Amino acid sequence: MTRALKETRIRGVETNIPFLLNVLQHPKFLDASVDTYFIDENPDLFNFIPSQNRAQKLLHYLAEVNVNGPQTPFITSLKPSNIEPIVPEIPSSLVHFYLIILLYVFSSSTNWIS
């Protein structure tokens, strides 16, 4: 249970996972010598170690750079080149095939929504 809680990642909302980890690691809980006053008698259960949340920090940084551009100076004075990607031609027979597959995937994925 402890491992599952430590590996759980939920973004955007507060959870009680740190509290549950404190309960599961408490010596009295491990000895199975708890009663209904366990939480009242152990206020240290509410002392949480802040998580590093590195993935959320990375996502926030990438979104910031994507929206506002890089805030660090360029190492070189050269401007980025404007490269137009080469899009290969798709034969019309394959276009119809891909459309059929997309329609099938979309129609089967909407069944669980309704």
Protein backbone atom coordinates (compact mmCIF):
# COMPACT_ATOMS: atom_id res chain seq x y z
CA MET A 1 0.00 0.00 0.00
CA THR A 2 2.81 2.39 0.87
CA ARG A 3 4.53 1.78 -2.43
CA ALA A 4 1.31 2.30 -4.38
CA LEU A 5 0.68 5.61 -2.61
CA LYS A 6 4.26 6.78 -3.20
CA GLU A 7 3.97 6.01 -6.91
CA THR A 8 0.58 7.68 -7.34
CA ARG A 9 0.67 10.98 -9.23
CA ILE A 10 -2.42 13.18 -9.35
CA ARG A 11 -2.08 16.63 -10.88
CA GLY A 12 -4.25 19.65 -10.28
CA VAL A 13 -5.99 18.74 -7.02
CA GLU A 14 -4.93 18.27 -3.43
CA THR A 15 -5.02 14.72 -2.08
CA ASN A 16 -4.61 13.15 1.34
CA ILE A 17 -1.81 10.86 0.15
CA PRO A 18 0.85 12.45 2.43
CA PHE A 19 -1.45 11.96 5.42
CA LEU A 20 -2.10 8.33 4.48
CA LEU A 21 1.64 7.72 4.12
CA ASN A 22 2.22 9.16 7.58
CA VAL A 23 -0.48 6.88 9.00
CA LEU A 24 0.90 3.78 7.27
CA GLN A 25 4.44 4.49 8.48
CA HIS A 26 3.54 5.34 12.09
CA PRO A 27 4.93 2.83 14.63
CA LYS A 28 1.61 2.45 16.49
CA PHE A 29 -0.19 1.70 13.21
CA LEU A 30 2.48 -0.83 12.23
CA ASP A 31 2.07 -2.54 15.62
CA ALA A 32 -1.71 -2.61 15.14
CA SER A 33 -2.14 -0.87 18.47
CA VAL A 34 -4.41 1.93 17.30
CA ASP A 35 -7.84 2.93 18.50
CA THR A 36 -10.46 5.44 17.44
CA TYR A 37 -8.42 8.27 19.00
CA PHE A 38 -5.31 7.48 16.96
CA ILE A 39 -5.55 10.56 14.74
CA ASP A 40 -6.46 12.86 17.66
CA GLU A 41 -3.51 11.61 19.72
CA ASN A 42 -1.01 11.97 16.87
CA PRO A 43 -1.08 15.49 15.42
CA ASP A 44 2.31 14.80 13.83
CA LEU A 45 0.41 12.84 11.17
CA PHE A 46 -0.42 16.23 9.65
CA ASN A 47 3.25 17.22 9.20
CA PHE A 48 3.83 16.53 5.52
CA ILE A 49 7.06 16.40 3.58
CA PRO A 50 6.49 18.51 0.46
CA SER A 51 6.85 16.53 -2.74
CA GLN A 52 9.34 17.59 -5.39
CA ASN A 53 6.76 17.41 -8.16
CA ARG A 54 9.44 17.56 -10.86
CA ALA A 55 7.11 16.50 -13.68
CA GLN A 56 4.68 19.34 -12.93
CA LYS A 57 7.55 21.85 -12.85
CA LEU A 58 8.80 20.59 -16.20
CA LEU A 59 5.33 20.81 -17.76
CA HIS A 60 4.91 24.35 -16.39
CA TYR A 61 8.29 25.39 -17.83
CA LEU A 62 7.54 23.89 -21.25
CA ALA A 63 4.16 25.61 -21.37
CA GLU A 64 5.74 28.93 -20.35
CA VAL A 65 8.39 28.69 -23.09
CA ASN A 66 5.81 27.58 -25.64
CA VAL A 67 3.48 30.50 -24.90
CA ASN A 68 5.93 33.30 -24.06
CA GLY A 69 9.09 32.17 -25.84
CA PRO A 70 12.46 31.56 -24.20
CA GLN A 71 13.41 34.10 -21.53
CA THR A 72 17.13 33.30 -21.66
CA PRO A 73 19.48 35.10 -24.06
CA PHE A 74 20.63 33.22 -27.12
CA ILE A 75 24.26 32.08 -27.09
CA THR A 76 24.68 33.20 -30.68
CA SER A 77 23.44 36.20 -32.57
CA LEU A 78 22.15 33.99 -35.39
CA LYS A 79 18.39 33.97 -35.74
CA PRO A 80 16.56 30.64 -36.07
CA SER A 81 16.01 29.65 -39.67
CA ASN A 82 12.52 29.32 -41.04
CA ILE A 83 12.30 25.77 -42.37
CA GLU A 84 9.27 24.66 -44.32
CA PRO A 85 8.69 20.94 -43.77
CA ILE A 86 8.29 18.73 -46.80
CA VAL A 87 4.91 17.01 -46.67
CA PRO A 88 4.86 13.85 -48.79
CA GLU A 89 2.02 13.23 -51.20
CA ILE A 90 -0.46 10.59 -50.08
CA PRO A 91 -2.12 8.58 -52.84
CA SER A 92 -5.88 9.12 -52.93
CA SER A 93 -6.52 5.41 -52.37
CA LEU A 94 -4.68 5.63 -49.02
CA VAL A 95 -6.54 8.79 -48.03
CA HIS A 96 -9.83 6.92 -48.26
CA PHE A 97 -8.37 4.03 -46.29
CA TYR A 98 -7.16 6.37 -43.49
CA LEU A 99 -10.54 8.11 -43.35
CA ILE A 100 -12.32 4.78 -42.94
CA ILE A 101 -9.97 3.83 -40.10
CA LEU A 102 -10.44 7.21 -38.39
CA LEU A 103 -14.21 6.95 -38.67
CA TYR A 104 -14.12 3.45 -37.21
CA VAL A 105 -11.88 4.49 -34.30
CA PHE A 106 -13.97 7.58 -33.59
CA SER A 107 -17.26 5.72 -33.68
CA SER A 108 -15.99 2.94 -31.41
CA SER A 109 -14.46 5.41 -28.93
CA THR A 110 -17.69 7.36 -28.52
CA ASN A 111 -19.62 4.31 -27.36
CA TRP A 112 -18.24 4.54 -23.83
CA ILE A 113 -19.11 8.25 -23.56
CA SER A 114 -22.85 7.89 -24.06
